[in-house]
Amino acid sequence: MSPRHHLDPSTLVSFAAGALPPEVNVVVATHLDGCATCRKRIADAERIGGALVEHQQPAAARLPNAAQLRERMLARLDSATDVPARAAPPVVDVDRHDPDRLPAPLHPYFGTSYRALRWRWMSPGVHCIRSPQSANLLLLKIAPGKSMPLHSHGASEVTQILQGAYDDALGHFAPGDVADLDSDIEHQPVTTPGTACICVSALDAPLEFRGWIARKLQPLFKL
């Protein structure tokens, strides 16, 4: 599994700094579990962040504020590809190749087995499980060949594809890919034929649907 869609650099920096909301942190960790590229970028962010701290001016009045430090770290991260860096070790899971086993970061929230999941009907062809720990962390199962309503995001959404695939204006998203979206993105995922698309999502705010039918049904979906 070689992901083609990766986490945004700002998400990686926030993850390295421990500044992500808990539910987003879970989805990011799930992506990192299978993505060596993003694990390396995390290592770069941690290394660059440490270097920035070491080179700060000692006078408190001259220290950059958090926003400035973050921007400097992002700029350094963009140019870090020419600098050798250690790769973060992958998550060790002896059963990771078992097709029935959920990724290890999801175990505390949804259990270990796909077959044991208890899906809740949301709409024709769409089922959902919300984590008992957070209503903003959810698993979605969408039937093959189904078109979702056109929508944007009130804040941000991070979605990791676990099984199946979908296509939208941003490209083809298959197992291992992550959609790291902000409020500027509007899209309409269409799942590919053959296999249901299962993904894990973290939402900062409710989705914003364009169609009036979807808006009327949104209280029922709770998305």
N, C-alpha and C. Protein backbone atom coordinates (compact mmCIF):
# COMPACT_ATOMS: atom_id res chain seq x y z
N MET A 1 0.84 -1.19 0.00
CA MET A 1 0.00 0.00 0.00
C MET A 1 0.88 1.24 0.00
N SER A 2 0.83 2.00 -1.10
CA SER A 2 1.62 3.22 -1.22
C SER A 2 0.68 4.40 -1.42
N PRO A 3 0.37 5.14 -0.36
CA PRO A 3 -0.59 6.25 -0.47
C PRO A 3 -0.13 7.29 -1.49
N ARG A 4 -1.10 7.84 -2.21
CA ARG A 4 -0.83 8.92 -3.16
C ARG A 4 -1.32 10.27 -2.63
N HIS A 5 -2.19 10.25 -1.64
CA HIS A 5 -2.70 11.47 -1.04
C HIS A 5 -2.24 11.51 0.42
N HIS A 6 -1.59 12.62 0.80
CA HIS A 6 -0.93 12.70 2.10
C HIS A 6 -1.50 13.83 2.95
N LEU A 7 -1.02 13.90 4.18
CA LEU A 7 -1.44 14.94 5.12
C LEU A 7 -0.85 16.29 4.75
N ASP A 8 -1.61 17.34 5.03
CA ASP A 8 -1.12 18.69 4.80
C ASP A 8 0.05 18.98 5.74
N PRO A 9 1.07 19.74 5.29
CA PRO A 9 2.20 20.05 6.17
C PRO A 9 1.80 20.69 7.50
N SER A 10 0.78 21.55 7.48
CA SER A 10 0.36 22.18 8.74
C SER A 10 -0.22 21.16 9.71
N THR A 11 -0.90 20.12 9.18
CA THR A 11 -1.41 19.04 10.04
C THR A 11 -0.27 18.26 10.65
N LEU A 12 0.75 17.98 9.85
CA LEU A 12 1.91 17.25 10.37
C LEU A 12 2.61 18.02 11.47
N VAL A 13 2.78 19.34 11.27
CA VAL A 13 3.43 20.16 12.30
C VAL A 13 2.60 20.17 13.57
N SER A 14 1.28 20.30 13.45
CA SER A 14 0.42 20.31 14.63
C SER A 14 0.44 18.97 15.33
N PHE A 15 0.52 17.87 14.56
CA PHE A 15 0.61 16.54 15.17
C PHE A 15 1.92 16.41 15.95
N ALA A 16 3.02 16.85 15.33
CA ALA A 16 4.32 16.77 16.00
C ALA A 16 4.35 17.60 17.27
N ALA A 17 3.59 18.71 17.28
CA ALA A 17 3.55 19.59 18.46
C ALA A 17 2.52 19.16 19.49
N GLY A 18 1.73 18.10 19.17
CA GLY A 18 0.69 17.67 20.09
C GLY A 18 -0.47 18.63 20.18
N ALA A 19 -0.75 19.35 19.07
CA ALA A 19 -1.74 20.42 19.10
C ALA A 19 -3.04 20.08 18.37
N LEU A 20 -3.20 18.83 17.91
CA LEU A 20 -4.42 18.46 17.19
C LEU A 20 -5.53 18.06 18.16
N PRO A 21 -6.80 18.28 17.77
CA PRO A 21 -7.91 17.73 18.56
C PRO A 21 -7.78 16.21 18.64
N PRO A 22 -8.24 15.58 19.72
CA PRO A 22 -8.04 14.14 19.90
C PRO A 22 -8.55 13.29 18.74
N GLU A 23 -9.75 13.61 18.20
CA GLU A 23 -10.30 12.79 17.13
C GLU A 23 -9.49 12.93 15.84
N VAL A 24 -8.98 14.13 15.56
CA VAL A 24 -8.12 14.32 14.38
C VAL A 24 -6.81 13.58 14.58
N ASN A 25 -6.30 13.61 15.78
CA ASN A 25 -5.06 12.91 16.11
C ASN A 25 -5.17 11.42 15.79
N VAL A 26 -6.35 10.83 16.06
CA VAL A 26 -6.56 9.40 15.80
C VAL A 26 -6.47 9.11 14.31
N VAL A 27 -7.12 9.93 13.49
CA VAL A 27 -7.10 9.71 12.04
C VAL A 27 -5.70 9.93 11.48
N VAL A 28 -5.01 10.94 11.96
CA VAL A 28 -3.63 11.18 11.52
C VAL A 28 -2.74 10.00 11.88
N ALA A 29 -2.88 9.49 13.10
CA ALA A 29 -2.09 8.33 13.52
C ALA A 29 -2.39 7.11 12.65
N THR A 30 -3.65 6.96 12.23
CA THR A 30 -4.02 5.85 11.36
C THR A 30 -3.33 5.98 10.01
N HIS A 31 -3.27 7.19 9.47
CA HIS A 31 -2.55 7.38 8.21
C HIS A 31 -1.06 7.11 8.39
N LEU A 32 -0.48 7.62 9.45
CA LEU A 32 0.95 7.42 9.68
C LEU A 32 1.30 5.94 9.84
N ASP A 33 0.34 5.15 10.32
CA ASP A 33 0.57 3.72 10.51
C ASP A 33 0.96 3.04 9.20
N GLY A 34 0.48 3.58 8.07
CA GLY A 34 0.77 2.94 6.79
C GLY A 34 1.48 3.81 5.79
N CYS A 35 1.97 4.98 6.20
CA CYS A 35 2.57 5.91 5.24
C CYS A 35 3.98 6.30 5.67
N ALA A 36 4.98 5.73 5.02
CA ALA A 36 6.36 6.05 5.35
C ALA A 36 6.71 7.48 4.98
N THR A 37 6.09 8.01 3.93
CA THR A 37 6.37 9.38 3.50
C THR A 37 6.01 10.38 4.59
N CYS A 38 4.82 10.24 5.15
CA CYS A 38 4.40 11.18 6.19
C CYS A 38 5.13 10.94 7.50
N ARG A 39 5.53 9.70 7.78
CA ARG A 39 6.35 9.46 8.98
C ARG A 39 7.68 10.19 8.87
N LYS A 40 8.26 10.20 7.67
CA LYS A 40 9.52 10.93 7.49
C LYS A 40 9.31 12.42 7.66
N ARG A 41 8.18 12.94 7.15
CA ARG A 41 7.91 14.36 7.29
C ARG A 41 7.68 14.75 8.75
N ILE A 42 7.08 13.84 9.52
CA ILE A 42 6.93 14.08 10.97
C ILE A 42 8.30 14.18 11.61
N ALA A 43 9.20 13.26 11.25
CA ALA A 43 10.56 13.31 11.79
C ALA A 43 11.24 14.62 11.43
N ASP A 44 11.05 15.08 10.18
CA ASP A 44 11.61 16.37 9.76
C ASP A 44 11.05 17.51 10.62
N ALA A 45 9.73 17.48 10.84
CA ALA A 45 9.10 18.55 11.62
C ALA A 45 9.64 18.57 13.04
N GLU A 46 9.79 17.39 13.65
CA GLU A 46 10.31 17.33 15.01
C GLU A 46 11.75 17.83 15.07
N ARG A 47 12.55 17.46 14.08
CA ARG A 47 13.95 17.89 14.05
C ARG A 47 14.05 19.39 13.85
N ILE A 48 13.26 19.92 12.91
CA ILE A 48 13.30 21.36 12.63
C ILE A 48 12.78 22.15 13.82
N GLY A 49 11.71 21.64 14.44
CA GLY A 49 11.18 22.33 15.62
C GLY A 49 12.19 22.40 16.73
N GLY A 50 12.93 21.31 16.94
CA GLY A 50 13.97 21.33 17.96
C GLY A 50 15.07 22.32 17.64
N ALA A 51 15.43 22.39 16.35
CA ALA A 51 16.48 23.34 15.96
C ALA A 51 16.01 24.78 16.14
N LEU A 52 14.75 25.06 15.83
CA LEU A 52 14.24 26.41 16.01
C LEU A 52 14.24 26.83 17.48
N VAL A 53 13.86 25.90 18.34
CA VAL A 53 13.86 26.20 19.77
C VAL A 53 15.27 26.52 20.25
N GLU A 54 16.25 25.74 19.78
CA GLU A 54 17.63 25.94 20.21
C GLU A 54 18.18 27.29 19.77
N HIS A 55 17.68 27.81 18.64
CA HIS A 55 18.23 29.04 18.08
C HIS A 55 17.38 30.27 18.36
N GLN A 56 16.40 30.14 19.23
CA GLN A 56 15.61 31.31 19.60
C GLN A 56 16.47 32.30 20.40
N GLN A 57 16.13 33.59 20.28
CA GLN A 57 16.80 34.61 21.08
C GLN A 57 16.47 34.39 22.55
N PRO A 58 17.42 34.54 23.46
CA PRO A 58 17.15 34.29 24.88
C PRO A 58 16.24 35.33 25.51
N ALA A 59 16.22 36.55 24.97
CA ALA A 59 15.37 37.58 25.58
C ALA A 59 13.92 37.28 25.29
N ALA A 60 13.09 37.26 26.34
CA ALA A 60 11.68 36.89 26.19
C ALA A 60 10.97 37.81 25.22
N ALA A 61 11.35 39.10 25.20
CA ALA A 61 10.67 40.04 24.33
C ALA A 61 10.95 39.77 22.87
N ARG A 62 12.03 39.05 22.58
CA ARG A 62 12.39 38.80 21.19
C ARG A 62 11.91 37.45 20.69
N LEU A 63 11.34 36.65 21.57
CA LEU A 63 10.88 35.33 21.16
C LEU A 63 9.71 35.47 20.19
N PRO A 64 9.68 34.69 19.08
CA PRO A 64 8.54 34.77 18.17
C PRO A 64 7.30 34.21 18.83
N ASN A 65 6.14 34.73 18.45
CA ASN A 65 4.91 34.16 18.98
C ASN A 65 4.64 32.83 18.31
N ALA A 66 3.58 32.14 18.75
CA ALA A 66 3.32 30.79 18.27
C ALA A 66 3.05 30.76 16.78
N ALA A 67 2.33 31.76 16.26
CA ALA A 67 2.02 31.78 14.83
C ALA A 67 3.29 31.95 14.00
N GLN A 68 4.18 32.83 14.46
CA GLN A 68 5.42 33.04 13.72
C GLN A 68 6.29 31.80 13.74
N LEU A 69 6.37 31.16 14.89
CA LEU A 69 7.17 29.94 15.00
C LEU A 69 6.62 28.86 14.09
N ARG A 70 5.30 28.75 14.03
CA ARG A 70 4.67 27.75 13.17
C ARG A 70 4.97 28.02 11.71
N GLU A 71 4.90 29.28 11.28
CA GLU A 71 5.18 29.63 9.90
C GLU A 71 6.64 29.33 9.55
N ARG A 72 7.53 29.63 10.48
CA ARG A 72 8.95 29.34 10.23
C ARG A 72 9.18 27.84 10.11
N MET A 73 8.50 27.07 10.95
CA MET A 73 8.66 25.62 10.89
C MET A 73 8.12 25.07 9.57
N LEU A 74 6.97 25.59 9.11
CA LEU A 74 6.41 25.14 7.83
C LEU A 74 7.35 25.47 6.68
N ALA A 75 7.94 26.66 6.71
CA ALA A 75 8.87 27.03 5.64
C ALA A 75 10.08 26.12 5.63
N ARG A 76 10.60 25.81 6.82
CA ARG A 76 11.75 24.91 6.89
C ARG A 76 11.36 23.51 6.46
N LEU A 77 10.15 23.08 6.80
CA LEU A 77 9.69 21.75 6.44
C LEU A 77 9.59 21.61 4.92
N ASP A 78 9.14 22.67 4.23
CA ASP A 78 9.02 22.64 2.78
C ASP A 78 10.37 22.43 2.12
N SER A 79 11.45 22.90 2.75
CA SER A 79 12.78 22.78 2.15
C SER A 79 13.61 21.67 2.77
N ALA A 80 12.98 20.82 3.56
CA ALA A 80 13.74 19.81 4.30
C ALA A 80 14.08 18.59 3.47
N THR A 81 13.59 18.51 2.24
CA THR A 81 13.82 17.31 1.45
C THR A 81 15.29 17.14 1.09
N ASP A 82 16.08 18.23 1.12
CA ASP A 82 17.50 18.13 0.78
C ASP A 82 18.38 17.82 1.99
N VAL A 83 17.76 17.71 3.16
CA VAL A 83 18.53 17.49 4.38
C VAL A 83 18.29 16.09 4.89
N PRO A 84 19.34 15.27 5.11
CA PRO A 84 19.12 13.93 5.61
C PRO A 84 18.38 13.96 6.95
N ALA A 85 17.45 13.05 7.11
CA ALA A 85 16.68 12.99 8.36
C ALA A 85 16.36 11.54 8.67
N ARG A 86 16.26 11.28 9.95
CA ARG A 86 15.89 9.93 10.36
C ARG A 86 14.42 9.69 10.04
N ALA A 87 14.08 8.44 9.75
CA ALA A 87 12.69 8.09 9.51
C ALA A 87 12.08 7.57 10.79
N ALA A 88 10.87 8.04 11.09
CA ALA A 88 10.20 7.57 12.29
C ALA A 88 9.87 6.09 12.12
N PRO A 89 10.03 5.28 13.16
CA PRO A 89 9.76 3.85 13.03
C PRO A 89 8.28 3.59 12.81
N PRO A 90 7.95 2.61 11.96
CA PRO A 90 6.54 2.29 11.75
C PRO A 90 5.93 1.66 12.99
N VAL A 91 4.61 1.74 13.07
CA VAL A 91 3.90 1.09 14.16
C VAL A 91 4.02 -0.41 13.99
N VAL A 92 4.39 -1.13 15.04
CA VAL A 92 4.55 -2.57 14.97
C VAL A 92 3.24 -3.24 15.33
N ASP A 93 2.70 -4.00 14.41
CA ASP A 93 1.46 -4.72 14.64
C ASP A 93 1.59 -6.06 13.93
N VAL A 94 1.76 -7.12 14.71
CA VAL A 94 2.04 -8.43 14.11
C VAL A 94 0.89 -8.92 13.25
N ASP A 95 -0.33 -8.42 13.48
CA ASP A 95 -1.49 -8.88 12.73
C ASP A 95 -1.96 -7.86 11.70
N ARG A 96 -1.11 -6.92 11.31
CA ARG A 96 -1.55 -5.83 10.45
C ARG A 96 -1.97 -6.30 9.07
N HIS A 97 -1.52 -7.50 8.64
CA HIS A 97 -1.88 -8.01 7.32
C HIS A 97 -3.15 -8.87 7.36
N ASP A 98 -3.74 -9.04 8.51
CA ASP A 98 -5.00 -9.75 8.63
C ASP A 98 -6.10 -8.86 8.03
N PRO A 99 -6.80 -9.31 6.97
CA PRO A 99 -7.80 -8.44 6.32
C PRO A 99 -8.97 -8.08 7.22
N ASP A 100 -9.15 -8.81 8.33
CA ASP A 100 -10.26 -8.50 9.24
C ASP A 100 -9.85 -7.54 10.34
N ARG A 101 -8.58 -7.15 10.39
CA ARG A 101 -8.08 -6.36 11.51
C ARG A 101 -8.06 -4.87 11.17
N LEU A 102 -8.69 -4.08 12.02
CA LEU A 102 -8.64 -2.63 11.89
C LEU A 102 -7.23 -2.12 12.19
N PRO A 103 -6.84 -0.97 11.65
CA PRO A 103 -5.54 -0.41 12.00
C PRO A 103 -5.41 -0.20 13.51
N ALA A 104 -4.22 -0.41 14.03
CA ALA A 104 -3.99 -0.38 15.47
C ALA A 104 -4.44 0.92 16.15
N PRO A 105 -4.24 2.12 15.56
CA PRO A 105 -4.68 3.34 16.26
C PRO A 105 -6.19 3.41 16.49
N LEU A 106 -6.97 2.61 15.76
CA LEU A 106 -8.42 2.65 15.91
C LEU A 106 -8.95 1.68 16.97
N HIS A 107 -8.11 0.78 17.44
CA HIS A 107 -8.58 -0.26 18.36
C HIS A 107 -9.26 0.28 19.62
N PRO A 108 -8.72 1.33 20.27
CA PRO A 108 -9.39 1.82 21.49
C PRO A 108 -10.76 2.44 21.23
N TYR A 109 -11.05 2.77 19.97
CA TYR A 109 -12.27 3.51 19.66
C TYR A 109 -13.33 2.66 18.95
N PHE A 110 -12.89 1.65 18.19
CA PHE A 110 -13.84 0.85 17.42
C PHE A 110 -13.62 -0.65 17.55
N GLY A 111 -12.65 -1.08 18.34
CA GLY A 111 -12.35 -2.50 18.43
C GLY A 111 -11.32 -2.90 17.40
N THR A 112 -11.09 -4.20 17.27
CA THR A 112 -10.01 -4.70 16.42
C THR A 112 -10.48 -5.33 15.12
N SER A 113 -11.77 -5.66 15.01
CA SER A 113 -12.24 -6.49 13.91
C SER A 113 -13.28 -5.77 13.06
N TYR A 114 -13.12 -5.85 11.73
CA TYR A 114 -14.15 -5.32 10.83
C TYR A 114 -15.46 -6.10 11.00
N ARG A 115 -15.34 -7.43 11.12
CA ARG A 115 -16.55 -8.26 11.20
C ARG A 115 -17.36 -7.98 12.46
N ALA A 116 -16.71 -7.49 13.50
CA ALA A 116 -17.42 -7.23 14.76
C ALA A 116 -18.07 -5.86 14.80
N LEU A 117 -17.86 -5.02 13.78
CA LEU A 117 -18.43 -3.68 13.79
C LEU A 117 -19.96 -3.75 13.71
N ARG A 118 -20.62 -2.91 14.47
CA ARG A 118 -22.08 -2.86 14.48
C ARG A 118 -22.52 -1.55 13.81
N TRP A 119 -22.77 -1.65 12.51
CA TRP A 119 -23.07 -0.47 11.72
C TRP A 119 -24.48 0.05 11.98
N ARG A 120 -24.64 1.35 11.93
CA ARG A 120 -25.93 2.01 12.09
C ARG A 120 -26.34 2.63 10.76
N TRP A 121 -27.55 2.34 10.31
CA TRP A 121 -28.06 2.86 9.05
C TRP A 121 -28.22 4.38 9.14
N MET A 122 -27.75 5.08 8.11
CA MET A 122 -27.92 6.53 8.04
C MET A 122 -28.82 6.95 6.90
N SER A 123 -28.61 6.34 5.74
CA SER A 123 -29.39 6.62 4.54
C SER A 123 -29.16 5.44 3.60
N PRO A 124 -29.92 5.32 2.52
CA PRO A 124 -29.70 4.20 1.60
C PRO A 124 -28.25 4.09 1.15
N GLY A 125 -27.64 2.97 1.45
CA GLY A 125 -26.27 2.73 1.05
C GLY A 125 -25.21 3.32 1.95
N VAL A 126 -25.60 3.99 3.02
CA VAL A 126 -24.62 4.65 3.91
C VAL A 126 -24.86 4.19 5.34
N HIS A 127 -23.81 3.67 5.97
CA HIS A 127 -23.87 3.25 7.37
C HIS A 127 -22.74 3.92 8.14
N CYS A 128 -22.89 4.01 9.45
CA CYS A 128 -21.97 4.80 10.27
C CYS A 128 -21.80 4.18 11.65
N ILE A 129 -20.65 4.39 12.24
CA ILE A 129 -20.42 4.10 13.65
C ILE A 129 -19.69 5.30 14.25
N ARG A 130 -20.25 5.86 15.30
CA ARG A 130 -19.58 6.96 16.01
C ARG A 130 -18.82 6.39 17.19
N SER A 131 -17.65 6.92 17.42
CA SER A 131 -16.86 6.47 18.56
C SER A 131 -17.56 6.83 19.86
N PRO A 132 -17.62 5.93 20.83
CA PRO A 132 -18.20 6.27 22.13
C PRO A 132 -17.46 7.42 22.82
N GLN A 133 -16.17 7.60 22.47
CA GLN A 133 -15.38 8.65 23.11
C GLN A 133 -15.63 10.02 22.49
N SER A 134 -16.04 10.08 21.22
CA SER A 134 -16.23 11.37 20.56
C SER A 134 -17.18 11.20 19.38
N ALA A 135 -18.25 12.01 19.36
CA ALA A 135 -19.18 11.97 18.23
C ALA A 135 -18.56 12.52 16.96
N ASN A 136 -17.43 13.21 17.06
CA ASN A 136 -16.76 13.77 15.89
C ASN A 136 -15.78 12.81 15.23
N LEU A 137 -15.65 11.60 15.79
CA LEU A 137 -14.81 10.56 15.20
C LEU A 137 -15.73 9.43 14.77
N LEU A 138 -15.74 9.11 13.48
CA LEU A 138 -16.69 8.13 13.00
C LEU A 138 -16.14 7.28 11.88
N LEU A 139 -16.65 6.06 11.80
CA LEU A 139 -16.42 5.18 10.67
C LEU A 139 -17.62 5.29 9.74
N LEU A 140 -17.35 5.34 8.45
CA LEU A 140 -18.39 5.38 7.44
C LEU A 140 -18.22 4.21 6.49
N LYS A 141 -19.34 3.57 6.13
CA LYS A 141 -19.34 2.52 5.10
C LYS A 141 -20.33 2.94 4.03
N ILE A 142 -19.84 3.16 2.81
CA ILE A 142 -20.66 3.67 1.71
C ILE A 142 -20.68 2.62 0.61
N ALA A 143 -21.86 2.26 0.15
CA ALA A 143 -22.03 1.21 -0.84
C ALA A 143 -21.29 1.54 -2.13
N PRO A 144 -20.88 0.51 -2.88
CA PRO A 144 -20.17 0.79 -4.13
C PRO A 144 -21.05 1.52 -5.14
N GLY A 145 -20.41 2.40 -5.92
CA GLY A 145 -21.10 3.12 -6.97
C GLY A 145 -22.08 4.17 -6.48
N LYS A 146 -21.94 4.63 -5.25
CA LYS A 146 -22.89 5.60 -4.70
C LYS A 146 -22.28 7.00 -4.74
N SER A 147 -23.09 7.97 -5.14
CA SER A 147 -22.67 9.38 -5.16
C SER A 147 -23.17 10.07 -3.90
N MET A 148 -22.25 10.67 -3.16
CA MET A 148 -22.60 11.41 -1.96
C MET A 148 -23.05 12.83 -2.35
N PRO A 149 -23.83 13.50 -1.49
CA PRO A 149 -24.25 14.86 -1.81
C PRO A 149 -23.05 15.81 -1.90
N LEU A 150 -23.15 16.78 -2.80
CA LEU A 150 -22.13 17.81 -2.91
C LEU A 150 -22.09 18.62 -1.60
N HIS A 151 -20.88 18.78 -1.05
CA HIS A 151 -20.78 19.48 0.23
C HIS A 151 -19.42 20.13 0.40
N SER A 152 -19.38 21.07 1.32
CA SER A 152 -18.14 21.66 1.79
C SER A 152 -18.06 21.41 3.29
N HIS A 153 -17.12 22.08 3.97
CA HIS A 153 -16.86 21.78 5.37
C HIS A 153 -16.88 23.06 6.19
N GLY A 154 -17.60 23.01 7.31
CA GLY A 154 -17.66 24.18 8.17
C GLY A 154 -16.32 24.56 8.75
N ALA A 155 -15.46 23.57 8.92
CA ALA A 155 -14.10 23.83 9.42
C ALA A 155 -13.15 22.90 8.66
N SER A 156 -12.75 21.79 9.27
CA SER A 156 -11.85 20.87 8.58
C SER A 156 -12.38 19.45 8.71
N GLU A 157 -11.90 18.61 7.81
CA GLU A 157 -12.23 17.18 7.82
C GLU A 157 -10.97 16.43 7.44
N VAL A 158 -10.64 15.39 8.20
CA VAL A 158 -9.54 14.51 7.84
C VAL A 158 -10.12 13.10 7.74
N THR A 159 -10.02 12.51 6.55
CA THR A 159 -10.62 11.19 6.29
C THR A 159 -9.55 10.26 5.75
N GLN A 160 -9.43 9.09 6.37
CA GLN A 160 -8.50 8.05 5.93
C GLN A 160 -9.30 6.90 5.31
N ILE A 161 -8.91 6.50 4.10
CA ILE A 161 -9.57 5.40 3.42
C ILE A 161 -8.99 4.08 3.94
N LEU A 162 -9.89 3.20 4.38
CA LEU A 162 -9.47 1.90 4.91
C LEU A 162 -9.69 0.77 3.92
N GLN A 163 -10.85 0.76 3.28
CA GLN A 163 -11.19 -0.24 2.27
C GLN A 163 -11.98 0.43 1.16
N GLY A 164 -11.97 -0.19 -0.03
CA GLY A 164 -12.69 0.40 -1.14
C GLY A 164 -12.02 1.68 -1.62
N ALA A 165 -12.78 2.50 -2.35
CA ALA A 165 -12.20 3.73 -2.91
C ALA A 165 -13.32 4.66 -3.34
N TYR A 166 -12.95 5.92 -3.57
CA TYR A 166 -13.89 6.87 -4.15
C TYR A 166 -13.13 7.85 -5.05
N ASP A 167 -13.89 8.54 -5.89
CA ASP A 167 -13.34 9.57 -6.77
C ASP A 167 -14.09 10.87 -6.53
N ASP A 168 -13.37 11.97 -6.59
CA ASP A 168 -13.99 13.30 -6.55
C ASP A 168 -13.11 14.26 -7.34
N ALA A 169 -13.39 15.54 -7.23
CA ALA A 169 -12.64 16.53 -7.99
C ALA A 169 -11.16 16.55 -7.62
N LEU A 170 -10.81 16.02 -6.46
CA LEU A 170 -9.42 16.03 -6.01
C LEU A 170 -8.64 14.81 -6.49
N GLY A 171 -9.34 13.81 -7.05
CA GLY A 171 -8.65 12.63 -7.56
C GLY A 171 -9.25 11.34 -7.09
N HIS A 172 -8.47 10.28 -7.20
CA HIS A 172 -8.87 8.93 -6.80
C HIS A 172 -8.27 8.62 -5.43
N PHE A 173 -9.13 8.25 -4.49
CA PHE A 173 -8.70 7.95 -3.12
C PHE A 173 -8.92 6.47 -2.84
N ALA A 174 -7.82 5.77 -2.58
CA ALA A 174 -7.83 4.33 -2.37
C ALA A 174 -7.31 4.02 -0.97
N PRO A 175 -7.31 2.74 -0.55
CA PRO A 175 -6.83 2.40 0.79
C PRO A 175 -5.44 2.97 1.07
N GLY A 176 -5.29 3.62 2.22
CA GLY A 176 -4.05 4.27 2.61
C GLY A 176 -4.03 5.75 2.33
N ASP A 177 -4.87 6.23 1.40
CA ASP A 177 -4.93 7.66 1.10
C ASP A 177 -5.70 8.41 2.17
N VAL A 178 -5.34 9.68 2.35
CA VAL A 178 -6.01 10.54 3.32
C VAL A 178 -6.49 11.81 2.61
N ALA A 179 -7.70 12.24 2.93
CA ALA A 179 -8.22 13.51 2.45
C ALA A 179 -8.16 14.50 3.61
N ASP A 180 -7.26 15.46 3.51
CA ASP A 180 -7.05 16.47 4.56
C ASP A 180 -7.62 17.78 4.03
N LEU A 181 -8.88 18.07 4.39
CA LEU A 181 -9.65 19.12 3.74
C LEU A 181 -9.96 20.26 4.70
N ASP A 182 -10.08 21.47 4.12
CA ASP A 182 -10.47 22.63 4.93
C ASP A 182 -11.76 23.22 4.39
N SER A 183 -12.15 24.37 4.90
CA SER A 183 -13.45 24.96 4.56
C SER A 183 -13.50 25.48 3.13
N ASP A 184 -12.38 25.55 2.43
CA ASP A 184 -12.38 26.03 1.06
C ASP A 184 -12.71 24.94 0.04
N ILE A 185 -12.73 23.70 0.48
CA ILE A 185 -12.91 22.57 -0.43
C ILE A 185 -14.39 22.20 -0.52
N GLU A 186 -14.88 22.07 -1.75
CA GLU A 186 -16.21 21.54 -2.01
C GLU A 186 -16.06 20.32 -2.91
N HIS A 187 -16.67 19.21 -2.52
CA HIS A 187 -16.48 18.00 -3.32
C HIS A 187 -17.70 17.09 -3.21
N GLN A 188 -17.72 16.08 -4.10
CA GLN A 188 -18.82 15.13 -4.15
C GLN A 188 -18.24 13.74 -4.41
N PRO A 189 -17.86 13.02 -3.34
CA PRO A 189 -17.27 11.70 -3.53
C PRO A 189 -18.25 10.73 -4.18
N VAL A 190 -17.72 9.91 -5.09
CA VAL A 190 -18.47 8.84 -5.73
C VAL A 190 -17.68 7.55 -5.53
N THR A 191 -18.24 6.60 -4.80
CA THR A 191 -17.51 5.37 -4.51
C THR A 191 -17.39 4.52 -5.77
N THR A 192 -16.28 3.81 -5.87
CA THR A 192 -16.02 2.99 -7.05
C THR A 192 -16.84 1.70 -6.99
N PRO A 193 -17.14 1.10 -8.14
CA PRO A 193 -17.92 -0.14 -8.14
C PRO A 193 -17.16 -1.30 -7.50
N GLY A 194 -17.91 -2.27 -7.05
CA GLY A 194 -17.32 -3.53 -6.60
C GLY A 194 -17.25 -3.73 -5.11
N THR A 195 -16.70 -2.77 -4.37
CA THR A 195 -16.46 -2.94 -2.94
C THR A 195 -16.92 -1.69 -2.19
N ALA A 196 -17.58 -1.90 -1.05
CA ALA A 196 -17.98 -0.76 -0.23
C ALA A 196 -16.76 0.02 0.22
N CYS A 197 -16.90 1.32 0.31
CA CYS A 197 -15.82 2.19 0.79
C CYS A 197 -15.97 2.38 2.29
N ILE A 198 -14.96 1.98 3.04
CA ILE A 198 -14.94 2.18 4.49
C ILE A 198 -13.84 3.17 4.81
N CYS A 199 -14.18 4.19 5.57
CA CYS A 199 -13.19 5.20 5.94
C CYS A 199 -13.45 5.67 7.36
N VAL A 200 -12.43 6.27 7.95
CA VAL A 200 -12.55 6.87 9.28
C VAL A 200 -12.35 8.37 9.12
N SER A 201 -13.25 9.14 9.74
CA SER A 201 -13.25 10.59 9.57
C SER A 201 -13.28 11.30 10.91
N ALA A 202 -12.64 12.44 10.95
CA ALA A 202 -12.74 13.37 12.08
C ALA A 202 -13.26 14.69 11.54
N LEU A 203 -14.33 15.19 12.15
CA LEU A 203 -14.96 16.44 11.70
C LEU A 203 -14.87 17.48 12.80
N ASP A 204 -14.43 18.68 12.44
CA ASP A 204 -14.40 19.79 13.40
C ASP A 204 -15.72 20.51 13.50
N ALA A 205 -16.55 20.39 12.44
CA ALA A 205 -17.83 21.09 12.39
C ALA A 205 -18.73 20.35 11.43
N PRO A 206 -20.05 20.57 11.48
CA PRO A 206 -20.95 19.89 10.55
C PRO A 206 -20.62 20.20 9.09
N LEU A 207 -20.93 19.23 8.21
CA LEU A 207 -20.77 19.46 6.78
C LEU A 207 -21.78 20.50 6.30
N GLU A 208 -21.45 21.13 5.19
CA GLU A 208 -22.34 22.13 4.61
C GLU A 208 -22.78 21.63 3.24
N PHE A 209 -24.04 21.14 3.15
CA PHE A 209 -24.56 20.57 1.92
C PHE A 209 -25.16 21.66 1.04
N ARG A 210 -24.99 21.51 -0.28
CA ARG A 210 -25.54 22.48 -1.21
C ARG A 210 -27.01 22.17 -1.51
N GLY A 211 -27.36 20.90 -1.72
CA GLY A 211 -28.72 20.53 -2.09
C GLY A 211 -29.70 20.69 -0.93
N TRP A 212 -30.91 21.15 -1.22
CA TRP A 212 -31.87 21.42 -0.15
C TRP A 212 -32.36 20.14 0.49
N ILE A 213 -32.43 19.03 -0.28
CA ILE A 213 -32.87 17.76 0.32
C ILE A 213 -31.86 17.30 1.36
N ALA A 214 -30.57 17.36 1.01
CA ALA A 214 -29.53 16.95 1.95
C ALA A 214 -29.54 17.85 3.19
N ARG A 215 -29.79 19.15 2.99
CA ARG A 215 -29.84 20.05 4.15
C ARG A 215 -31.02 19.71 5.06
N LYS A 216 -32.14 19.35 4.47
CA LYS A 216 -33.31 18.99 5.28
C LYS A 216 -33.07 17.71 6.07
N LEU A 217 -32.31 16.78 5.49
CA LEU A 217 -32.07 15.49 6.14
C LEU A 217 -30.85 15.53 7.07
N GLN A 218 -30.09 16.61 7.05
CA GLN A 218 -28.85 16.67 7.84
C GLN A 218 -29.07 16.43 9.33
N PRO A 219 -30.15 16.95 9.96
CA PRO A 219 -30.35 16.63 11.37
C PRO A 219 -30.48 15.14 11.64
N LEU A 220 -31.03 14.40 10.66
CA LEU A 220 -31.13 12.95 10.81
C LEU A 220 -29.77 12.29 10.69
N PHE A 221 -28.96 12.75 9.72
CA PHE A 221 -27.63 12.18 9.51
C PHE A 221 -26.68 12.56 10.64
N LYS A 222 -26.86 13.76 11.23
CA LYS A 222 -25.96 14.28 12.27
C LYS A 222 -24.54 14.38 11.76
N LEU A 223 -24.40 14.90 10.55
CA LEU A 223 -23.08 15.11 9.95
C LEU A 223 -22.88 16.60 9.65
